[in-house]
Amino acid sequence: SLFTLFGLMNSQYWTEVEPLFMTLPWMKPVWVVFTILSSWALLSIMTGVVSDNMLEVRLLQERKDEEKAEQFRQSVLQSLSEVFAAASKDGQLGKQDWLEVLASPYYLRKIHDVANVPTQ
C-alpha cells in the first residue's frame, strides 16, 4: 500500500524493517535509494503545488490591478470630459473658453485632482 511505503520513506516503521536489514544486508543500499528517490518525488510534488498556488495568486492580483487601472482611467476620462464640455460652449475650444474654465475653482480643482500637478 502507498501509505505503508510513505511510512517506510519517513522511517515510521524502522523497527519493523530493521530485522530485514540484519538478514539481508544488500537491502540497505536499496533502502537508501528508495528513501532518496521518494523524498525527491515528494519534494517535487510540494514544489509544484506551491508554484501553482503562487501563479494563481499572481494572476488574481494582475486582474485586480487591471480592474483598478480601468476604474482610474474611467474616472479621469469622466472628469476631463466634464471639464472640456464646460470649456467648449460651441464645440470649439478657444483660448478664451479655456481661460474662463480655469477661472472656476470647481474645474480648477478637477484638473488638479486628475493631473495631480499644481494648478497655480
N, C-alpha and C. Protein backbone atom coordinates (compact mmCIF):
# COMPACT_ATOMS: atom_id res chain seq x y z
N SER A 1 0.84 -1.19 0.00
CA SER A 1 0.00 0.00 0.00
C SER A 1 0.89 1.25 0.00
N LEU A 2 0.37 2.31 -0.61
CA LEU A 2 1.14 3.56 -0.69
C LEU A 2 1.35 4.19 0.68
N PHE A 3 0.38 4.02 1.57
CA PHE A 3 0.54 4.59 2.91
C PHE A 3 1.69 3.91 3.64
N THR A 4 1.82 2.62 3.47
CA THR A 4 2.93 1.88 4.09
C THR A 4 4.27 2.34 3.50
N LEU A 5 4.31 2.51 2.18
CA LEU A 5 5.55 3.00 1.56
C LEU A 5 5.89 4.40 2.05
N PHE A 6 4.87 5.24 2.24
CA PHE A 6 5.12 6.57 2.78
C PHE A 6 5.68 6.46 4.20
N GLY A 7 5.12 5.59 4.99
CA GLY A 7 5.63 5.36 6.35
C GLY A 7 7.06 4.86 6.35
N LEU A 8 7.38 3.98 5.39
CA LEU A 8 8.76 3.50 5.27
C LEU A 8 9.70 4.63 4.84
N MET A 9 9.19 5.49 3.96
CA MET A 9 10.02 6.59 3.46
C MET A 9 10.45 7.52 4.59
N ASN A 10 9.56 7.81 5.52
CA ASN A 10 9.92 8.73 6.60
C ASN A 10 10.31 7.99 7.89
N SER A 11 10.68 6.73 7.74
CA SER A 11 11.22 5.88 8.84
C SER A 11 10.24 5.67 9.97
N GLN A 12 8.97 5.68 9.67
CA GLN A 12 7.96 5.44 10.71
C GLN A 12 7.99 3.97 11.14
N TYR A 13 8.25 3.07 10.21
CA TYR A 13 8.26 1.63 10.51
C TYR A 13 9.67 1.07 10.60
N TRP A 14 10.60 1.87 11.04
CA TRP A 14 12.01 1.46 11.08
C TRP A 14 12.21 0.22 11.95
N THR A 15 11.52 0.15 13.06
CA THR A 15 11.72 -1.01 13.95
C THR A 15 11.26 -2.31 13.30
N GLU A 16 10.21 -2.26 12.46
CA GLU A 16 9.74 -3.48 11.78
C GLU A 16 10.68 -3.87 10.63
N VAL A 17 11.39 -2.90 10.04
CA VAL A 17 12.23 -3.17 8.88
C VAL A 17 13.65 -3.53 9.28
N GLU A 18 14.09 -3.10 10.44
CA GLU A 18 15.47 -3.32 10.87
C GLU A 18 15.88 -4.80 10.86
N PRO A 19 15.04 -5.74 11.31
CA PRO A 19 15.45 -7.16 11.23
C PRO A 19 15.69 -7.63 9.79
N LEU A 20 14.98 -7.03 8.83
CA LEU A 20 15.19 -7.39 7.43
C LEU A 20 16.60 -7.02 6.98
N PHE A 21 17.10 -5.88 7.47
CA PHE A 21 18.46 -5.46 7.10
C PHE A 21 19.52 -6.36 7.74
N MET A 22 19.23 -6.91 8.91
CA MET A 22 20.17 -7.84 9.54
C MET A 22 20.24 -9.15 8.76
N THR A 23 19.09 -9.57 8.25
CA THR A 23 19.04 -10.83 7.50
C THR A 23 19.57 -10.64 6.08
N LEU A 24 19.19 -9.53 5.43
CA LEU A 24 19.59 -9.27 4.05
C LEU A 24 20.33 -7.93 3.99
N PRO A 25 21.64 -7.93 4.22
CA PRO A 25 22.39 -6.68 4.25
C PRO A 25 22.41 -5.95 2.90
N TRP A 26 22.25 -6.65 1.81
CA TRP A 26 22.25 -6.00 0.50
C TRP A 26 21.02 -5.11 0.31
N MET A 27 20.02 -5.17 1.19
CA MET A 27 18.81 -4.34 1.11
C MET A 27 19.08 -2.90 1.57
N LYS A 28 20.19 -2.70 2.31
CA LYS A 28 20.48 -1.35 2.79
C LYS A 28 20.66 -0.34 1.65
N PRO A 29 21.46 -0.64 0.62
CA PRO A 29 21.57 0.33 -0.49
C PRO A 29 20.24 0.54 -1.21
N VAL A 30 19.45 -0.53 -1.33
CA VAL A 30 18.12 -0.39 -1.95
C VAL A 30 17.27 0.55 -1.12
N TRP A 31 17.35 0.39 0.19
CA TRP A 31 16.59 1.25 1.11
C TRP A 31 17.02 2.72 0.96
N VAL A 32 18.32 2.95 0.87
CA VAL A 32 18.83 4.31 0.72
C VAL A 32 18.34 4.92 -0.59
N VAL A 33 18.43 4.17 -1.68
CA VAL A 33 17.97 4.66 -2.98
C VAL A 33 16.47 4.95 -2.93
N PHE A 34 15.69 4.04 -2.35
CA PHE A 34 14.25 4.25 -2.23
C PHE A 34 13.96 5.53 -1.43
N THR A 35 14.64 5.71 -0.32
CA THR A 35 14.40 6.89 0.52
C THR A 35 14.76 8.18 -0.22
N ILE A 36 15.88 8.17 -0.93
CA ILE A 36 16.30 9.37 -1.67
C ILE A 36 15.30 9.69 -2.77
N LEU A 37 14.94 8.70 -3.57
CA LEU A 37 14.02 8.94 -4.69
C LEU A 37 12.63 9.35 -4.21
N SER A 38 12.14 8.71 -3.18
CA SER A 38 10.80 9.06 -2.71
C SER A 38 10.80 10.44 -2.04
N SER A 39 11.87 10.79 -1.36
CA SER A 39 11.95 12.14 -0.78
C SER A 39 12.02 13.19 -1.87
N TRP A 40 12.78 12.90 -2.93
CA TRP A 40 12.87 13.82 -4.06
C TRP A 40 11.51 13.98 -4.74
N ALA A 41 10.79 12.86 -4.92
CA ALA A 41 9.47 12.91 -5.55
C ALA A 41 8.50 13.73 -4.70
N LEU A 42 8.51 13.52 -3.39
CA LEU A 42 7.62 14.27 -2.51
C LEU A 42 7.96 15.76 -2.53
N LEU A 43 9.23 16.09 -2.53
CA LEU A 43 9.65 17.49 -2.61
C LEU A 43 9.21 18.11 -3.93
N SER A 44 9.31 17.36 -5.02
CA SER A 44 8.88 17.87 -6.33
C SER A 44 7.39 18.14 -6.35
N ILE A 45 6.62 17.27 -5.77
CA ILE A 45 5.16 17.47 -5.71
C ILE A 45 4.82 18.70 -4.89
N MET A 46 5.45 18.84 -3.75
CA MET A 46 5.17 20.02 -2.90
C MET A 46 5.59 21.30 -3.60
N THR A 47 6.73 21.28 -4.29
CA THR A 47 7.18 22.45 -5.03
C THR A 47 6.19 22.81 -6.13
N GLY A 48 5.67 21.81 -6.82
CA GLY A 48 4.68 22.04 -7.86
C GLY A 48 3.40 22.65 -7.31
N VAL A 49 2.95 22.17 -6.18
CA VAL A 49 1.73 22.72 -5.57
C VAL A 49 1.94 24.17 -5.17
N VAL A 50 3.07 24.46 -4.55
CA VAL A 50 3.36 25.84 -4.12
C VAL A 50 3.50 26.76 -5.34
N SER A 51 4.19 26.29 -6.37
CA SER A 51 4.36 27.10 -7.58
C SER A 51 3.02 27.37 -8.25
N ASP A 52 2.17 26.38 -8.32
CA ASP A 52 0.85 26.55 -8.92
C ASP A 52 0.03 27.55 -8.13
N ASN A 53 0.11 27.48 -6.81
CA ASN A 53 -0.62 28.42 -5.96
C ASN A 53 -0.09 29.85 -6.16
N MET A 54 1.23 30.00 -6.24
CA MET A 54 1.81 31.32 -6.45
C MET A 54 1.40 31.90 -7.80
N LEU A 55 1.34 31.06 -8.82
CA LEU A 55 0.91 31.51 -10.15
C LEU A 55 -0.54 31.98 -10.11
N GLU A 56 -1.39 31.22 -9.43
CA GLU A 56 -2.81 31.59 -9.32
C GLU A 56 -2.97 32.92 -8.57
N VAL A 57 -2.22 33.12 -7.51
CA VAL A 57 -2.29 34.37 -6.75
C VAL A 57 -1.81 35.54 -7.60
N ARG A 58 -0.75 35.33 -8.37
CA ARG A 58 -0.22 36.39 -9.23
C ARG A 58 -1.23 36.78 -10.30
N LEU A 59 -1.87 35.80 -10.91
CA LEU A 59 -2.88 36.10 -11.94
C LEU A 59 -4.07 36.85 -11.34
N LEU A 60 -4.48 36.46 -10.15
CA LEU A 60 -5.58 37.15 -9.48
C LEU A 60 -5.21 38.59 -9.18
N GLN A 61 -3.98 38.82 -8.72
CA GLN A 61 -3.52 40.18 -8.42
C GLN A 61 -3.43 41.01 -9.69
N GLU A 62 -2.99 40.41 -10.79
CA GLU A 62 -2.94 41.14 -12.07
C GLU A 62 -4.34 41.57 -12.51
N ARG A 63 -5.33 40.68 -12.35
CA ARG A 63 -6.70 41.03 -12.71
C ARG A 63 -7.20 42.19 -11.85
N LYS A 64 -6.89 42.15 -10.56
CA LYS A 64 -7.32 43.24 -9.67
C LYS A 64 -6.64 44.55 -10.07
N ASP A 65 -5.35 44.49 -10.40
CA ASP A 65 -4.63 45.69 -10.82
C ASP A 65 -5.20 46.26 -12.12
N GLU A 66 -5.55 45.38 -13.06
CA GLU A 66 -6.13 45.83 -14.32
C GLU A 66 -7.49 46.49 -14.09
N GLU A 67 -8.30 45.90 -13.21
CA GLU A 67 -9.61 46.49 -12.90
C GLU A 67 -9.44 47.87 -12.24
N LYS A 68 -8.49 47.97 -11.34
CA LYS A 68 -8.24 49.24 -10.67
C LYS A 68 -7.76 50.30 -11.66
N ALA A 69 -6.88 49.90 -12.58
CA ALA A 69 -6.38 50.84 -13.59
C ALA A 69 -7.51 51.28 -14.52
N GLU A 70 -8.40 50.36 -14.86
CA GLU A 70 -9.53 50.70 -15.73
C GLU A 70 -10.49 51.66 -15.00
N GLN A 71 -10.73 51.44 -13.73
CA GLN A 71 -11.58 52.36 -12.96
C GLN A 71 -10.95 53.74 -12.90
N PHE A 72 -9.65 53.81 -12.70
CA PHE A 72 -8.96 55.10 -12.66
C PHE A 72 -9.06 55.79 -14.01
N ARG A 73 -8.84 55.02 -15.09
CA ARG A 73 -8.93 55.58 -16.44
C ARG A 73 -10.33 56.14 -16.71
N GLN A 74 -11.35 55.41 -16.30
CA GLN A 74 -12.73 55.87 -16.50
C GLN A 74 -13.00 57.15 -15.69
N SER A 75 -12.46 57.21 -14.48
CA SER A 75 -12.62 58.40 -13.64
C SER A 75 -11.95 59.62 -14.28
N VAL A 76 -10.74 59.43 -14.79
CA VAL A 76 -10.03 60.52 -15.45
C VAL A 76 -10.78 60.96 -16.70
N LEU A 77 -11.25 60.00 -17.48
CA LEU A 77 -11.99 60.30 -18.69
C LEU A 77 -13.25 61.10 -18.38
N GLN A 78 -13.97 60.70 -17.35
CA GLN A 78 -15.20 61.40 -16.97
C GLN A 78 -14.90 62.83 -16.51
N SER A 79 -13.89 62.98 -15.68
CA SER A 79 -13.54 64.31 -15.17
C SER A 79 -13.09 65.24 -16.29
N LEU A 80 -12.22 64.75 -17.16
CA LEU A 80 -11.73 65.58 -18.24
C LEU A 80 -12.84 65.89 -19.26
N SER A 81 -13.71 64.93 -19.50
CA SER A 81 -14.84 65.19 -20.40
C SER A 81 -15.72 66.30 -19.85
N GLU A 82 -15.94 66.28 -18.55
CA GLU A 82 -16.76 67.32 -17.92
C GLU A 82 -16.07 68.69 -18.03
N VAL A 83 -14.77 68.72 -17.81
CA VAL A 83 -14.04 69.99 -17.89
C VAL A 83 -14.06 70.53 -19.32
N PHE A 84 -13.78 69.67 -20.30
CA PHE A 84 -13.74 70.14 -21.68
C PHE A 84 -15.13 70.47 -22.23
N ALA A 85 -16.15 69.76 -21.74
CA ALA A 85 -17.51 70.09 -22.15
C ALA A 85 -17.90 71.46 -21.61
N ALA A 86 -17.48 71.78 -20.40
CA ALA A 86 -17.77 73.09 -19.83
C ALA A 86 -16.99 74.18 -20.56
N ALA A 87 -15.79 73.87 -21.01
CA ALA A 87 -14.95 74.87 -21.68
C ALA A 87 -15.43 75.14 -23.11
N SER A 88 -15.93 74.12 -23.77
CA SER A 88 -16.32 74.25 -25.17
C SER A 88 -17.82 74.47 -25.26
N LYS A 89 -18.23 75.72 -25.40
CA LYS A 89 -19.66 76.03 -25.46
C LYS A 89 -20.23 75.80 -26.86
N ASP A 90 -19.42 76.01 -27.89
CA ASP A 90 -19.90 75.89 -29.27
C ASP A 90 -19.24 74.73 -30.03
N GLY A 91 -18.60 73.82 -29.33
CA GLY A 91 -17.93 72.71 -29.98
C GLY A 91 -16.48 73.01 -30.33
N GLN A 92 -16.09 74.27 -30.20
CA GLN A 92 -14.71 74.69 -30.45
C GLN A 92 -14.11 75.14 -29.12
N LEU A 93 -12.89 74.79 -28.89
CA LEU A 93 -12.22 75.17 -27.64
C LEU A 93 -11.19 76.25 -27.96
N GLY A 94 -11.54 77.45 -27.61
CA GLY A 94 -10.63 78.56 -27.83
C GLY A 94 -9.88 78.91 -26.56
N LYS A 95 -8.91 79.79 -26.71
CA LYS A 95 -8.10 80.19 -25.57
C LYS A 95 -8.96 80.90 -24.52
N GLN A 96 -9.86 81.74 -24.97
CA GLN A 96 -10.72 82.47 -24.03
C GLN A 96 -11.63 81.51 -23.27
N ASP A 97 -12.19 80.50 -23.97
CA ASP A 97 -13.03 79.49 -23.30
C ASP A 97 -12.23 78.75 -22.23
N TRP A 98 -11.03 78.38 -22.57
CA TRP A 98 -10.18 77.63 -21.63
C TRP A 98 -9.82 78.49 -20.42
N LEU A 99 -9.52 79.76 -20.63
CA LEU A 99 -9.18 80.66 -19.52
C LEU A 99 -10.38 80.87 -18.59
N GLU A 100 -11.59 80.88 -19.16
CA GLU A 100 -12.80 81.02 -18.33
C GLU A 100 -12.98 79.79 -17.43
N VAL A 101 -12.73 78.62 -18.00
CA VAL A 101 -12.85 77.40 -17.19
C VAL A 101 -11.79 77.39 -16.10
N LEU A 102 -10.59 77.83 -16.42
CA LEU A 102 -9.52 77.85 -15.42
C LEU A 102 -9.79 78.87 -14.31
N ALA A 103 -10.65 79.82 -14.58
CA ALA A 103 -11.00 80.81 -13.56
C ALA A 103 -11.97 80.21 -12.54
N SER A 104 -12.62 79.12 -12.89
CA SER A 104 -13.59 78.48 -11.99
C SER A 104 -12.84 77.58 -11.00
N PRO A 105 -13.01 77.81 -9.69
CA PRO A 105 -12.32 76.96 -8.70
C PRO A 105 -12.76 75.49 -8.78
N TYR A 106 -14.01 75.25 -9.16
CA TYR A 106 -14.52 73.87 -9.25
C TYR A 106 -13.75 73.10 -10.32
N TYR A 107 -13.67 73.67 -11.53
CA TYR A 107 -12.99 72.99 -12.62
C TYR A 107 -11.48 72.97 -12.42
N LEU A 108 -10.96 73.99 -11.80
CA LEU A 108 -9.53 74.02 -11.49
C LEU A 108 -9.16 72.87 -10.55
N ARG A 109 -10.03 72.64 -9.58
CA ARG A 109 -9.81 71.55 -8.63
C ARG A 109 -9.91 70.19 -9.33
N LYS A 110 -10.85 70.05 -10.25
CA LYS A 110 -11.00 68.80 -11.00
C LYS A 110 -9.73 68.52 -11.81
N ILE A 111 -9.21 69.54 -12.48
CA ILE A 111 -7.98 69.37 -13.26
C ILE A 111 -6.82 69.00 -12.35
N HIS A 112 -6.76 69.66 -11.22
CA HIS A 112 -5.69 69.34 -10.26
C HIS A 112 -5.79 67.90 -9.77
N ASP A 113 -7.00 67.43 -9.47
CA ASP A 113 -7.18 66.07 -8.97
C ASP A 113 -6.81 65.03 -10.04
N VAL A 114 -7.17 65.32 -11.28
CA VAL A 114 -6.88 64.36 -12.36
C VAL A 114 -5.40 64.36 -12.71
N ALA A 115 -4.83 65.54 -12.89
CA ALA A 115 -3.44 65.63 -13.37
C ALA A 115 -2.44 65.47 -12.23
N ASN A 116 -2.88 65.71 -11.01
CA ASN A 116 -2.01 65.62 -9.84
C ASN A 116 -0.78 66.53 -9.98
N VAL A 117 -1.03 67.71 -10.52
CA VAL A 117 0.03 68.72 -10.63
C VAL A 117 -0.52 70.04 -10.09
N PRO A 118 0.33 70.92 -9.61
CA PRO A 118 -0.15 72.20 -9.12
C PRO A 118 -0.77 73.02 -10.26
N THR A 119 -1.86 73.69 -9.96
CA THR A 119 -2.55 74.48 -10.99
C THR A 119 -2.39 75.97 -10.77
N GLN A 120 -1.65 76.37 -9.81
CA GLN A 120 -1.45 77.80 -9.55
C GLN A 120 -0.10 78.24 -10.04
